[in-house]
Amino acid sequence: SDDYAALFEKIIREKPYQLHPEVEKTLAALSSSFQAPYSLYN
């Protein structure tokens, strides 16, 4: 897939830093909270 070649290569580079799926799910659920400092600043 030429469309996703760059994305697949990036996933390979970041593989060592990927966490357990459930941890990734939790971090994603908290993504709005992670934006709170920027919102508060503005």
PDB file of all heavy atoms in Angstrom:
ATOM      1  N   SER A   1       0.823  -1.214   0.000  1.00  0.00           N
ATOM      2  CA  SER A   1       0.000   0.000   0.000  1.00  0.00           C
ATOM      3  C   SER A   1       0.855   1.261   0.000  1.00  0.00           C
ATOM      4  O   SER A   1       1.458   1.610   1.013  1.00  0.00           O
ATOM      5  CB  SER A   1      -0.918   0.014   1.232  1.00  0.00           C
ATOM      6  OG  SER A   1      -1.588   1.242   1.355  1.00  0.00           O
ATOM      7  N   ASP A   2       0.880   1.948  -1.136  1.00  0.00           N
ATOM      8  CA  ASP A   2       1.581   3.232  -1.191  1.00  0.00           C
ATOM      9  C   ASP A   2       0.901   4.254  -0.285  1.00  0.00           C
ATOM     10  O   ASP A   2       1.563   5.127   0.286  1.00  0.00           O
ATOM     11  CB  ASP A   2       1.591   3.760  -2.631  1.00  0.00           C
ATOM     12  CG  ASP A   2       2.526   2.957  -3.538  1.00  0.00           C
ATOM     13  OD1 ASP A   2       3.441   2.317  -2.998  1.00  0.00           O
ATOM     14  OD2 ASP A   2       2.330   2.973  -4.757  1.00  0.00           O
ATOM     15  N   ASP A   3      -0.422   4.148  -0.165  1.00  0.00           N
ATOM     16  CA  ASP A   3      -1.173   5.105   0.651  1.00  0.00           C
ATOM     17  C   ASP A   3      -0.714   5.122   2.103  1.00  0.00           C
ATOM     18  O   ASP A   3      -0.666   6.180   2.744  1.00  0.00           O
ATOM     19  CB  ASP A   3      -2.674   4.766   0.620  1.00  0.00           C
ATOM     20  CG  ASP A   3      -3.347   5.245  -0.656  1.00  0.00           C
ATOM     21  OD1 ASP A   3      -2.708   6.013  -1.398  1.00  0.00           O
ATOM     22  OD2 ASP A   3      -4.502   4.859  -0.906  1.00  0.00           O
ATOM     23  N   TYR A   4      -0.392   3.945   2.621  1.00  0.00           N
ATOM     24  CA  TYR A   4      -0.089   3.847   4.053  1.00  0.00           C
ATOM     25  C   TYR A   4       1.363   3.487   4.347  1.00  0.00           C
ATOM     26  O   TYR A   4       1.716   3.194   5.489  1.00  0.00           O
ATOM     27  CB  TYR A   4      -1.017   2.808   4.705  1.00  0.00           C
ATOM     28  CG  TYR A   4      -2.483   3.086   4.490  1.00  0.00           C
ATOM     29  CD1 TYR A   4      -3.335   2.112   3.982  1.00  0.00           C
ATOM     30  CD2 TYR A   4      -3.017   4.336   4.773  1.00  0.00           C
ATOM     31  CE1 TYR A   4      -4.685   2.362   3.776  1.00  0.00           C
ATOM     32  CE2 TYR A   4      -4.362   4.607   4.573  1.00  0.00           C
ATOM     33  CZ  TYR A   4      -5.191   3.615   4.068  1.00  0.00           C
ATOM     34  OH  TYR A   4      -6.527   3.887   3.862  1.00  0.00           O
ATOM     35  N   ALA A   5       2.203   3.521   3.323  1.00  0.00           N
ATOM     36  CA  ALA A   5       3.600   3.114   3.510  1.00  0.00           C
ATOM     37  C   ALA A   5       4.284   3.946   4.589  1.00  0.00           C
ATOM     38  O   ALA A   5       4.953   3.407   5.488  1.00  0.00           O
ATOM     39  CB  ALA A   5       4.359   3.227   2.189  1.00  0.00           C
ATOM     40  N   ALA A   6       4.114   5.263   4.536  1.00  0.00           N
ATOM     41  CA  ALA A   6       4.760   6.136   5.525  1.00  0.00           C
ATOM     42  C   ALA A   6       4.234   5.846   6.933  1.00  0.00           C
ATOM     43  O   ALA A   6       4.990   5.867   7.910  1.00  0.00           O
ATOM     44  CB  ALA A   6       4.523   7.602   5.178  1.00  0.00           C
ATOM     45  N   LEU A   7       2.935   5.570   7.031  1.00  0.00           N
ATOM     46  CA  LEU A   7       2.340   5.271   8.337  1.00  0.00           C
ATOM     47  C   LEU A   7       2.883   3.951   8.893  1.00  0.00           C
ATOM     48  O   LEU A   7       3.224   3.863  10.082  1.00  0.00           O
ATOM     49  CB  LEU A   7       0.818   5.198   8.212  1.00  0.00           C
ATOM     50  CG  LEU A   7       0.051   4.838   9.492  1.00  0.00           C
ATOM     51  CD1 LEU A   7       0.318   5.857  10.584  1.00  0.00           C
ATOM     52  CD2 LEU A   7      -1.449   4.743   9.206  1.00  0.00           C
ATOM     53  N   PHE A   8       2.982   2.939   8.057  1.00  0.00           N
ATOM     54  CA  PHE A   8       3.516   1.650   8.514  1.00  0.00           C
ATOM     55  C   PHE A   8       4.971   1.789   8.965  1.00  0.00           C
ATOM     56  O   PHE A   8       5.386   1.192   9.971  1.00  0.00           O
ATOM     57  CB  PHE A   8       3.407   0.598   7.413  1.00  0.00           C
ATOM     58  CG  PHE A   8       1.997   0.094   7.184  1.00  0.00           C
ATOM     59  CD1 PHE A   8       1.442   0.063   5.918  1.00  0.00           C
ATOM     60  CD2 PHE A   8       1.227  -0.352   8.254  1.00  0.00           C
ATOM     61  CE1 PHE A   8       0.159  -0.389   5.707  1.00  0.00           C
ATOM     62  CE2 PHE A   8      -0.064  -0.816   8.052  1.00  0.00           C
ATOM     63  CZ  PHE A   8      -0.611  -0.832   6.769  1.00  0.00           C
ATOM     64  N   GLU A   9       5.738   2.571   8.232  1.00  0.00           N
ATOM     65  CA  GLU A   9       7.141   2.785   8.617  1.00  0.00           C
ATOM     66  C   GLU A   9       7.237   3.519   9.959  1.00  0.00           C
ATOM     67  O   GLU A   9       8.114   3.236  10.776  1.00  0.00           O
ATOM     68  CB  GLU A   9       7.856   3.561   7.514  1.00  0.00           C
ATOM     69  CG  GLU A   9       8.067   2.743   6.238  1.00  0.00           C
ATOM     70  CD  GLU A   9       8.450   3.589   5.038  1.00  0.00           C
ATOM     71  OE1 GLU A   9       8.700   4.803   5.237  1.00  0.00           O
ATOM     72  OE2 GLU A   9       8.482   3.060   3.913  1.00  0.00           O
ATOM     73  N   LYS A  10       6.326   4.461  10.176  1.00  0.00           N
ATOM     74  CA  LYS A  10       6.303   5.181  11.452  1.00  0.00           C
ATOM     75  C   LYS A  10       5.940   4.244  12.600  1.00  0.00           C
ATOM     76  O   LYS A  10       6.518   4.321  13.691  1.00  0.00           O
ATOM     77  CB  LYS A  10       5.291   6.331  11.384  1.00  0.00           C
ATOM     78  CG  LYS A  10       5.258   7.179  12.642  1.00  0.00           C
ATOM     79  CD  LYS A  10       4.297   8.352  12.489  1.00  0.00           C
ATOM     80  CE  LYS A  10       4.297   9.196  13.751  1.00  0.00           C
ATOM     81  NZ  LYS A  10       3.348  10.342  13.659  1.00  0.00           N
ATOM     82  N   ILE A  11       5.000   3.344  12.359  1.00  0.00           N
ATOM     83  CA  ILE A  11       4.608   2.377  13.393  1.00  0.00           C
ATOM     84  C   ILE A  11       5.789   1.495  13.769  1.00  0.00           C
ATOM     85  O   ILE A  11       6.004   1.193  14.955  1.00  0.00           O
ATOM     86  CB  ILE A  11       3.419   1.523  12.898  1.00  0.00           C
ATOM     87  CG1 ILE A  11       2.154   2.384  12.797  1.00  0.00           C
ATOM     88  CG2 ILE A  11       3.165   0.337  13.840  1.00  0.00           C
ATOM     89  CD1 ILE A  11       1.000   1.708  12.111  1.00  0.00           C
ATOM     90  N   ILE A  12       6.581   1.118  12.760  1.00  0.00           N
ATOM     91  CA  ILE A  12       7.777   0.310  13.041  1.00  0.00           C
ATOM     92  C   ILE A  12       8.741   1.075  13.943  1.00  0.00           C
ATOM     93  O   ILE A  12       9.276   0.524  14.912  1.00  0.00           O
ATOM     94  CB  ILE A  12       8.467  -0.103  11.712  1.00  0.00           C
ATOM     95  CG1 ILE A  12       7.589  -1.101  10.940  1.00  0.00           C
ATOM     96  CG2 ILE A  12       9.836  -0.715  12.001  1.00  0.00           C
ATOM     97  CD1 ILE A  12       8.094  -1.409   9.539  1.00  0.00           C
ATOM     98  N   ARG A  13       8.940   2.367  13.645  1.00  0.00           N
ATOM     99  CA  ARG A  13       9.861   3.189  14.455  1.00  0.00           C
ATOM    100  C   ARG A  13       9.361   3.341  15.891  1.00  0.00           C
ATOM    101  O   ARG A  13      10.157   3.382  16.837  1.00  0.00           O
ATOM    102  CB  ARG A  13      10.032   4.578  13.829  1.00  0.00           C
ATOM    103  CG  ARG A  13      10.828   4.615  12.553  1.00  0.00           C
ATOM    104  CD  ARG A  13      11.287   6.026  12.221  1.00  0.00           C
ATOM    105  NE  ARG A  13      10.189   6.974  12.111  1.00  0.00           N
ATOM    106  CZ  ARG A  13       9.475   7.181  10.996  1.00  0.00           C
ATOM    107  NH1 ARG A  13       9.752   6.477   9.910  1.00  0.00           N
ATOM    108  NH2 ARG A  13       8.514   8.078  10.973  1.00  0.00           N
ATOM    109  N   GLU A  14       8.047   3.446  16.056  1.00  0.00           N
ATOM    110  CA  GLU A  14       7.481   3.709  17.383  1.00  0.00           C
ATOM    111  C   GLU A  14       7.115   2.441  18.146  1.00  0.00           C
ATOM    112  O   GLU A  14       6.655   2.517  19.279  1.00  0.00           O
ATOM    113  CB  GLU A  14       6.246   4.606  17.245  1.00  0.00           C
ATOM    114  CG  GLU A  14       6.577   5.991  16.710  1.00  0.00           C
ATOM    115  CD  GLU A  14       5.366   6.902  16.613  1.00  0.00           C
ATOM    116  OE1 GLU A  14       4.245   6.425  16.900  1.00  0.00           O
ATOM    117  OE2 GLU A  14       5.532   8.082  16.244  1.00  0.00           O
ATOM    118  N   LYS A  15       7.327   1.306  17.537  1.00  0.00           N
ATOM    119  CA  LYS A  15       6.978   0.023  18.164  1.00  0.00           C
ATOM    120  C   LYS A  15       7.519  -0.129  19.594  1.00  0.00           C
ATOM    121  O   LYS A  15       6.796  -0.545  20.500  1.00  0.00           O
ATOM    122  CB  LYS A  15       7.513  -1.122  17.290  1.00  0.00           C
ATOM    123  CG  LYS A  15       6.470  -2.139  16.847  1.00  0.00           C
ATOM    124  CD  LYS A  15       7.148  -3.197  15.974  1.00  0.00           C
ATOM    125  CE  LYS A  15       6.199  -4.290  15.558  1.00  0.00           C
ATOM    126  NZ  LYS A  15       5.609  -5.036  16.650  1.00  0.00           N
ATOM    127  N   PRO A  16       8.798   0.238  19.818  1.00  0.00           N
ATOM    128  CA  PRO A  16       9.348   0.038  21.166  1.00  0.00           C
ATOM    129  C   PRO A  16       8.658   0.874  22.247  1.00  0.00           C
ATOM    130  O   PRO A  16       8.810   0.585  23.436  1.00  0.00           O
ATOM    131  CB  PRO A  16      10.819   0.468  21.008  1.00  0.00           C
ATOM    132  CG  PRO A  16      11.104   0.383  19.552  1.00  0.00           C
ATOM    133  CD  PRO A  16       9.826   0.730  18.881  1.00  0.00           C
ATOM    134  N   TYR A  17       7.916   1.884  21.836  1.00  0.00           N
ATOM    135  CA  TYR A  17       7.324   2.803  22.817  1.00  0.00           C
ATOM    136  C   TYR A  17       5.809   2.628  22.960  1.00  0.00           C
ATOM    137  O   TYR A  17       5.164   3.379  23.674  1.00  0.00           O
ATOM    138  CB  TYR A  17       7.632   4.253  22.409  1.00  0.00           C
ATOM    139  CG  TYR A  17       9.096   4.489  22.162  1.00  0.00           C
ATOM    140  CD1 TYR A  17       9.610   4.601  20.878  1.00  0.00           C
ATOM    141  CD2 TYR A  17       9.995   4.556  23.223  1.00  0.00           C
ATOM    142  CE1 TYR A  17      10.965   4.796  20.649  1.00  0.00           C
ATOM    143  CE2 TYR A  17      11.349   4.747  23.009  1.00  0.00           C
ATOM    144  CZ  TYR A  17      11.834   4.861  21.721  1.00  0.00           C
ATOM    145  OH  TYR A  17      13.177   5.052  21.504  1.00  0.00           O
ATOM    146  N   GLN A  18       5.271   1.629  22.270  1.00  0.00           N
ATOM    147  CA  GLN A  18       3.834   1.374  22.357  1.00  0.00           C
ATOM    148  C   GLN A  18       3.531   0.616  23.646  1.00  0.00           C
ATOM    149  O   GLN A  18       4.261  -0.298  24.040  1.00  0.00           O
ATOM    150  CB  GLN A  18       3.368   0.557  21.144  1.00  0.00           C
ATOM    151  CG  GLN A  18       1.871   0.453  20.987  1.00  0.00           C
ATOM    152  CD  GLN A  18       1.233   1.717  20.440  1.00  0.00           C
ATOM    153  OE1 GLN A  18       1.945   2.650  20.092  1.00  0.00           O
ATOM    154  NE2 GLN A  18      -0.081   1.755  20.373  1.00  0.00           N
ATOM    155  N   LEU A  19       2.441   0.980  24.314  1.00  0.00           N
ATOM    156  CA  LEU A  19       2.057   0.356  25.579  1.00  0.00           C
ATOM    157  C   LEU A  19       1.002  -0.723  25.358  1.00  0.00           C
ATOM    158  O   LEU A  19       0.518  -0.916  24.238  1.00  0.00           O
ATOM    159  CB  LEU A  19       1.530   1.426  26.545  1.00  0.00           C
ATOM    160  CG  LEU A  19       2.520   2.563  26.848  1.00  0.00           C
ATOM    161  CD1 LEU A  19       1.845   3.661  27.659  1.00  0.00           C
ATOM    162  CD2 LEU A  19       3.738   2.031  27.591  1.00  0.00           C
ATOM    163  N   HIS A  20       0.653  -1.420  26.431  1.00  0.00           N
ATOM    164  CA  HIS A  20      -0.384  -2.452  26.362  1.00  0.00           C
ATOM    165  C   HIS A  20      -1.670  -1.845  25.806  1.00  0.00           C
ATOM    166  O   HIS A  20      -2.008  -0.690  26.123  1.00  0.00           O
ATOM    167  CB  HIS A  20      -0.623  -3.029  27.765  1.00  0.00           C
ATOM    168  CG  HIS A  20      -1.548  -4.202  27.783  1.00  0.00           C
ATOM    169  ND1 HIS A  20      -2.920  -4.061  27.756  1.00  0.00           N
ATOM    170  CD2 HIS A  20      -1.298  -5.538  27.831  1.00  0.00           C
ATOM    171  CE1 HIS A  20      -3.481  -5.256  27.777  1.00  0.00           C
ATOM    172  NE2 HIS A  20      -2.518  -6.168  27.826  1.00  0.00           N
ATOM    173  N   PRO A  21      -2.423  -2.577  24.989  1.00  0.00           N
ATOM    174  CA  PRO A  21      -3.650  -2.039  24.386  1.00  0.00           C
ATOM    175  C   PRO A  21      -4.602  -1.378  25.376  1.00  0.00           C
ATOM    176  O   PRO A  21      -5.204  -0.338  25.076  1.00  0.00           O
ATOM    177  CB  PRO A  21      -4.281  -3.266  23.730  1.00  0.00           C
ATOM    178  CG  PRO A  21      -3.120  -4.133  23.377  1.00  0.00           C
ATOM    179  CD  PRO A  21      -2.130  -3.932  24.484  1.00  0.00           C
ATOM    180  N   GLU A  22      -4.748  -1.969  26.567  1.00  0.00           N
ATOM    181  CA  GLU A  22      -5.671  -1.381  27.543  1.00  0.00           C
ATOM    182  C   GLU A  22      -5.142  -0.056  28.076  1.00  0.00           C
ATOM    183  O   GLU A  22      -5.914   0.868  28.376  1.00  0.00           O
ATOM    184  CB  GLU A  22      -5.917  -2.358  28.702  1.00  0.00           C
ATOM    185  CG  GLU A  22      -6.800  -3.540  28.339  1.00  0.00           C
ATOM    186  CD  GLU A  22      -8.159  -3.096  27.803  1.00  0.00           C
ATOM    187  OE1 GLU A  22      -8.792  -2.217  28.425  1.00  0.00           O
ATOM    188  OE2 GLU A  22      -8.574  -3.603  26.744  1.00  0.00           O
ATOM    189  N   VAL A  23      -3.820   0.051  28.186  1.00  0.00           N
ATOM    190  CA  VAL A  23      -3.228   1.319  28.624  1.00  0.00           C
ATOM    191  C   VAL A  23      -3.407   2.373  27.539  1.00  0.00           C
ATOM    192  O   VAL A  23      -3.752   3.533  27.823  1.00  0.00           O
ATOM    193  CB  VAL A  23      -1.733   1.142  28.962  1.00  0.00           C
ATOM    194  CG1 VAL A  23      -1.119   2.482  29.383  1.00  0.00           C
ATOM    195  CG2 VAL A  23      -1.551   0.108  30.065  1.00  0.00           C
ATOM    196  N   GLU A  24      -3.198   1.971  26.276  1.00  0.00           N
ATOM    197  CA  GLU A  24      -3.393   2.900  25.169  1.00  0.00           C
ATOM    198  C   GLU A  24      -4.846   3.373  25.124  1.00  0.00           C
ATOM    199  O   GLU A  24      -5.126   4.544  24.863  1.00  0.00           O
ATOM    200  CB  GLU A  24      -3.021   2.240  23.836  1.00  0.00           C
ATOM    201  CG  GLU A  24      -1.544   1.931  23.670  1.00  0.00           C
ATOM    202  CD  GLU A  24      -0.693   3.185  23.498  1.00  0.00           C
ATOM    203  OE1 GLU A  24      -1.263   4.296  23.335  1.00  0.00           O
ATOM    204  OE2 GLU A  24       0.546   3.073  23.535  1.00  0.00           O
ATOM    205  N   LYS A  25      -5.767   2.477  25.399  1.00  0.00           N
ATOM    206  CA  LYS A  25      -7.197   2.831  25.407  1.00  0.00           C
ATOM    207  C   LYS A  25      -7.481   3.842  26.513  1.00  0.00           C
ATOM    208  O   LYS A  25      -8.228   4.811  26.317  1.00  0.00           O
ATOM    209  CB  LYS A  25      -8.034   1.570  25.611  1.00  0.00           C
ATOM    210  CG  LYS A  25      -9.542   1.820  25.599  1.00  0.00           C
ATOM    211  CD  LYS A  25     -10.312   0.515  25.760  1.00  0.00           C
ATOM    212  CE  LYS A  25     -11.817   0.781  25.750  1.00  0.00           C
ATOM    213  NZ  LYS A  25     -12.601  -0.481  25.912  1.00  0.00           N
ATOM    214  N   THR A  26      -6.882   3.639  27.663  1.00  0.00           N
ATOM    215  CA  THR A  26      -7.085   4.560  28.790  1.00  0.00           C
ATOM    216  C   THR A  26      -6.507   5.935  28.476  1.00  0.00           C
ATOM    217  O   THR A  26      -7.142   6.969  28.733  1.00  0.00           O
ATOM    218  CB  THR A  26      -6.423   3.997  30.061  1.00  0.00           C
ATOM    219  OG1 THR A  26      -6.993   2.716  30.350  1.00  0.00           O
ATOM    220  CG2 THR A  26      -6.636   4.933  31.233  1.00  0.00           C
ATOM    221  N   LEU A  27      -5.302   5.962  27.912  1.00  0.00           N
ATOM    222  CA  LEU A  27      -4.688   7.235  27.560  1.00  0.00           C
ATOM    223  C   LEU A  27      -5.524   7.982  26.521  1.00  0.00           C
ATOM    224  O   LEU A  27      -5.681   9.211  26.585  1.00  0.00           O
ATOM    225  CB  LEU A  27      -3.272   7.020  27.024  1.00  0.00           C
ATOM    226  CG  LEU A  27      -2.219   6.578  28.047  1.00  0.00           C
ATOM    227  CD1 LEU A  27      -0.899   6.273  27.352  1.00  0.00           C
ATOM    228  CD2 LEU A  27      -2.016   7.643  29.122  1.00  0.00           C
ATOM    229  N   ALA A  28      -6.074   7.240  25.567  1.00  0.00           N
ATOM    230  CA  ALA A  28      -6.929   7.862  24.547  1.00  0.00           C
ATOM    231  C   ALA A  28      -8.187   8.444  25.177  1.00  0.00           C
ATOM    232  O   ALA A  28      -8.646   9.528  24.794  1.00  0.00           O
ATOM    233  CB  ALA A  28      -7.289   6.840  23.470  1.00  0.00           C
ATOM    234  N   ALA A  29      -8.747   7.727  26.152  1.00  0.00           N
ATOM    235  CA  ALA A  29      -9.950   8.218  26.828  1.00  0.00           C
ATOM    236  C   ALA A  29      -9.675   9.500  27.600  1.00  0.00           C
ATOM    237  O   ALA A  29     -10.568  10.331  27.803  1.00  0.00           O
ATOM    238  CB  ALA A  29     -10.485   7.150  27.777  1.00  0.00           C
ATOM    239  N   LEU A  30      -8.429   9.676  28.017  1.00  0.00           N
ATOM    240  CA  LEU A  30      -8.050  10.868  28.787  1.00  0.00           C
ATOM    241  C   LEU A  30      -7.539  12.009  27.902  1.00  0.00           C
ATOM    242  O   LEU A  30      -7.109  13.043  28.418  1.00  0.00           O
ATOM    243  CB  LEU A  30      -6.959  10.504  29.801  1.00  0.00           C
ATOM    244  CG  LEU A  30      -7.401   9.609  30.969  1.00  0.00           C
ATOM    245  CD1 LEU A  30      -6.179   9.114  31.725  1.00  0.00           C
ATOM    246  CD2 LEU A  30      -8.351  10.369  31.892  1.00  0.00           C
ATOM    247  N   SER A  31      -7.600  11.845  26.582  1.00  0.00           N
ATOM    248  CA  SER A  31      -7.012  12.832  25.672  1.00  0.00           C
ATOM    249  C   SER A  31      -7.632  14.217  25.845  1.00  0.00           C
ATOM    250  O   SER A  31      -6.935  15.239  25.743  1.00  0.00           O
ATOM    251  CB  SER A  31      -7.152  12.382  24.214  1.00  0.00           C
ATOM    252  OG  SER A  31      -8.520  12.181  23.881  1.00  0.00           O
ATOM    253  N   SER A  32      -8.921  14.274  26.110  1.00  0.00           N
ATOM    254  CA  SER A  32      -9.561  15.571  26.329  1.00  0.00           C
ATOM    255  C   SER A  32      -9.002  16.239  27.585  1.00  0.00           C
ATOM    256  O   SER A  32      -8.761  17.453  27.605  1.00  0.00           O
ATOM    257  CB  SER A  32     -11.072  15.407  26.455  1.00  0.00           C
ATOM    258  OG  SER A  32     -11.698  16.638  26.694  1.00  0.00           O
ATOM    259  N   SER A  33      -8.777  15.443  28.625  1.00  0.00           N
ATOM    260  CA  SER A  33      -8.207  15.987  29.862  1.00  0.00           C
ATOM    261  C   SER A  33      -6.787  16.486  29.630  1.00  0.00           C
ATOM    262  O   SER A  33      -6.359  17.484  30.228  1.00  0.00           O
ATOM    263  CB  SER A  33      -8.203  14.912  30.959  1.00  0.00           C
ATOM    264  OG  SER A  33      -9.519  14.494  31.248  1.00  0.00           O
ATOM    265  N   PHE A  34      -6.039  15.804  28.761  1.00  0.00           N
ATOM    266  CA  PHE A  34      -4.679  16.232  28.466  1.00  0.00           C
ATOM    267  C   PHE A  34      -4.650  17.599  27.775  1.00  0.00           C
ATOM    268  O   PHE A  34      -3.625  18.285  27.801  1.00  0.00           O
ATOM    269  CB  PHE A  34      -3.969  15.207  27.579  1.00  0.00           C
ATOM    270  CG  PHE A  34      -3.670  13.902  28.281  1.00  0.00           C
ATOM    271  CD1 PHE A  34      -3.483  12.730  27.562  1.00  0.00           C
ATOM    272  CD2 PHE A  34      -3.589  13.846  29.661  1.00  0.00           C
ATOM    273  CE1 PHE A  34      -3.199  11.531  28.210  1.00  0.00           C
ATOM    274  CE2 PHE A  34      -3.316  12.657  30.317  1.00  0.00           C
ATOM    275  CZ  PHE A  34      -3.120  11.499  29.590  1.00  0.00           C
ATOM    276  N   GLN A  35      -5.761  17.980  27.147  1.00  0.00           N
ATOM    277  CA  GLN A  35      -5.841  19.286  26.489  1.00  0.00           C
ATOM    278  C   GLN A  35      -6.277  20.386  27.449  1.00  0.00           C
ATOM    279  O   GLN A  35      -6.301  21.567  27.084  1.00  0.00           O
ATOM    280  CB  GLN A  35      -6.832  19.220  25.319  1.00  0.00           C
ATOM    281  CG  GLN A  35      -6.379  18.365  24.159  1.00  0.00           C
ATOM    282  CD  GLN A  35      -5.082  18.865  23.555  1.00  0.00           C
ATOM    283  OE1 GLN A  35      -4.929  20.055  23.291  1.00  0.00           O
ATOM    284  NE2 GLN A  35      -4.135  17.962  23.325  1.00  0.00           N
ATOM    285  N   ALA A  36      -6.613  20.012  28.684  1.00  0.00           N
ATOM    286  CA  ALA A  36      -7.144  20.981  29.644  1.00  0.00           C
ATOM    287  C   ALA A  36      -6.189  22.145  29.929  1.00  0.00           C
ATOM    288  O   ALA A  36      -6.636  23.299  29.997  1.00  0.00           O
ATOM    289  CB  ALA A  36      -7.533  20.276  30.940  1.00  0.00           C
ATOM    290  N   PRO A  37      -4.888  21.916  30.108  1.00  0.00           N
ATOM    291  CA  PRO A  37      -4.002  23.064  30.359  1.00  0.00           C
ATOM    292  C   PRO A  37      -4.032  24.106  29.243  1.00  0.00           C
ATOM    293  O   PRO A  37      -4.054  25.312  29.523  1.00  0.00           O
ATOM    294  CB  PRO A  37      -2.618  22.412  30.490  1.00  0.00           C
ATOM    295  CG  PRO A  37      -2.905  21.034  30.970  1.00  0.00           C
ATOM    296  CD  PRO A  37      -4.166  20.636  30.256  1.00  0.00           C
ATOM    297  N   TYR A  38      -4.041  23.649  28.000  1.00  0.00           N
ATOM    298  CA  TYR A  38      -4.088  24.593  26.870  1.00  0.00           C
ATOM    299  C   TYR A  38      -5.395  25.375  26.880  1.00  0.00           C
ATOM    300  O   TYR A  38      -5.417  26.597  26.661  1.00  0.00           O
ATOM    301  CB  TYR A  38      -3.905  23.827  25.560  1.00  0.00           C
ATOM    302  CG  TYR A  38      -3.868  24.697  24.324  1.00  0.00           C
ATOM    303  CD1 TYR A  38      -3.242  25.940  24.339  1.00  0.00           C
ATOM    304  CD2 TYR A  38      -4.441  24.275  23.123  1.00  0.00           C
ATOM    305  CE1 TYR A  38      -3.194  26.739  23.195  1.00  0.00           C
ATOM    306  CE2 TYR A  38      -4.393  25.060  21.982  1.00  0.00           C
ATOM    307  CZ  TYR A  38      -3.780  26.288  22.028  1.00  0.00           C
ATOM    308  OH  TYR A  38      -3.738  27.083  20.900  1.00  0.00           O
ATOM    309  N   SER A  39      -6.508  24.689  27.141  1.00  0.00           N
ATOM    310  CA  SER A  39      -7.804  25.366  27.201  1.00  0.00           C
ATOM    311  C   SER A  39      -7.826  26.374  28.340  1.00  0.00           C
ATOM    312  O   SER A  39      -8.344  27.494  28.196  1.00  0.00           O
ATOM    313  CB  SER A  39      -8.933  24.343  27.384  1.00  0.00           C
ATOM    314  OG  SER A  39      -9.004  23.458  26.296  1.00  0.00           O
ATOM    315  N   LEU A  40      -7.265  25.986  29.476  1.00  0.00           N
ATOM    316  CA  LEU A  40      -7.227  26.882  30.626  1.00  0.00           C
ATOM    317  C   LEU A  40      -6.354  28.106  30.329  1.00  0.00           C
ATOM    318  O   LEU A  40      -6.715  29.242  30.685  1.00  0.00           O
ATOM    319  CB  LEU A  40      -6.698  26.137  31.855  1.00  0.00           C
ATOM    320  CG  LEU A  40      -6.544  26.951  33.149  1.00  0.00           C
ATOM    321  CD1 LEU A  40      -7.869  27.565  33.559  1.00  0.00           C
ATOM    322  CD2 LEU A  40      -5.999  26.055  34.267  1.00  0.00           C
ATOM    323  N   TYR A  41      -5.214  27.869  29.679  1.00  0.00           N
ATOM    324  CA  TYR A  41      -4.341  28.979  29.297  1.00  0.00           C
ATOM    325  C   TYR A  41      -5.089  29.985  28.426  1.00  0.00           C
ATOM    326  O   TYR A  41      -5.055  31.200  28.668  1.00  0.00           O
ATOM    327  CB  TYR A  41      -3.109  28.450  28.550  1.00  0.00           C
ATOM    328  CG  TYR A  41      -2.313  29.543  27.864  1.00  0.00           C
ATOM    329  CD1 TYR A  41      -1.431  30.339  28.585  1.00  0.00           C
ATOM    330  CD2 TYR A  41      -2.467  29.793  26.501  1.00  0.00           C
ATOM    331  CE1 TYR A  41      -0.717  31.362  27.965  1.00  0.00           C
ATOM    332  CE2 TYR A  41      -1.758  30.808  25.872  1.00  0.00           C
ATOM    333  CZ  TYR A  41      -0.890  31.589  26.606  1.00  0.00           C
ATOM    334  OH  TYR A  41      -0.190  32.598  25.989  1.00  0.00           O
ATOM    335  N   ASN A  42      -5.774  29.486  27.397  1.00  0.00           N
ATOM    336  CA  ASN A  42      -6.507  30.370  26.493  1.00  0.00           C
ATOM    337  C   ASN A  42      -7.632  31.117  27.192  1.00  0.00           C
ATOM    338  O   ASN A  42      -7.881  32.291  26.926  1.00  0.00           O
ATOM    339  CB  ASN A  42      -7.067  29.573  25.311  1.00  0.00           C
ATOM    340  CG  ASN A  42      -6.056  29.397  24.201  1.00  0.00           C
ATOM    341  OD1 ASN A  42      -5.213  30.263  23.971  1.00  0.00           O
ATOM    342  ND2 ASN A  42      -6.110  28.274  23.505  1.00  0.00           N
TER     343      ASN A  42
END
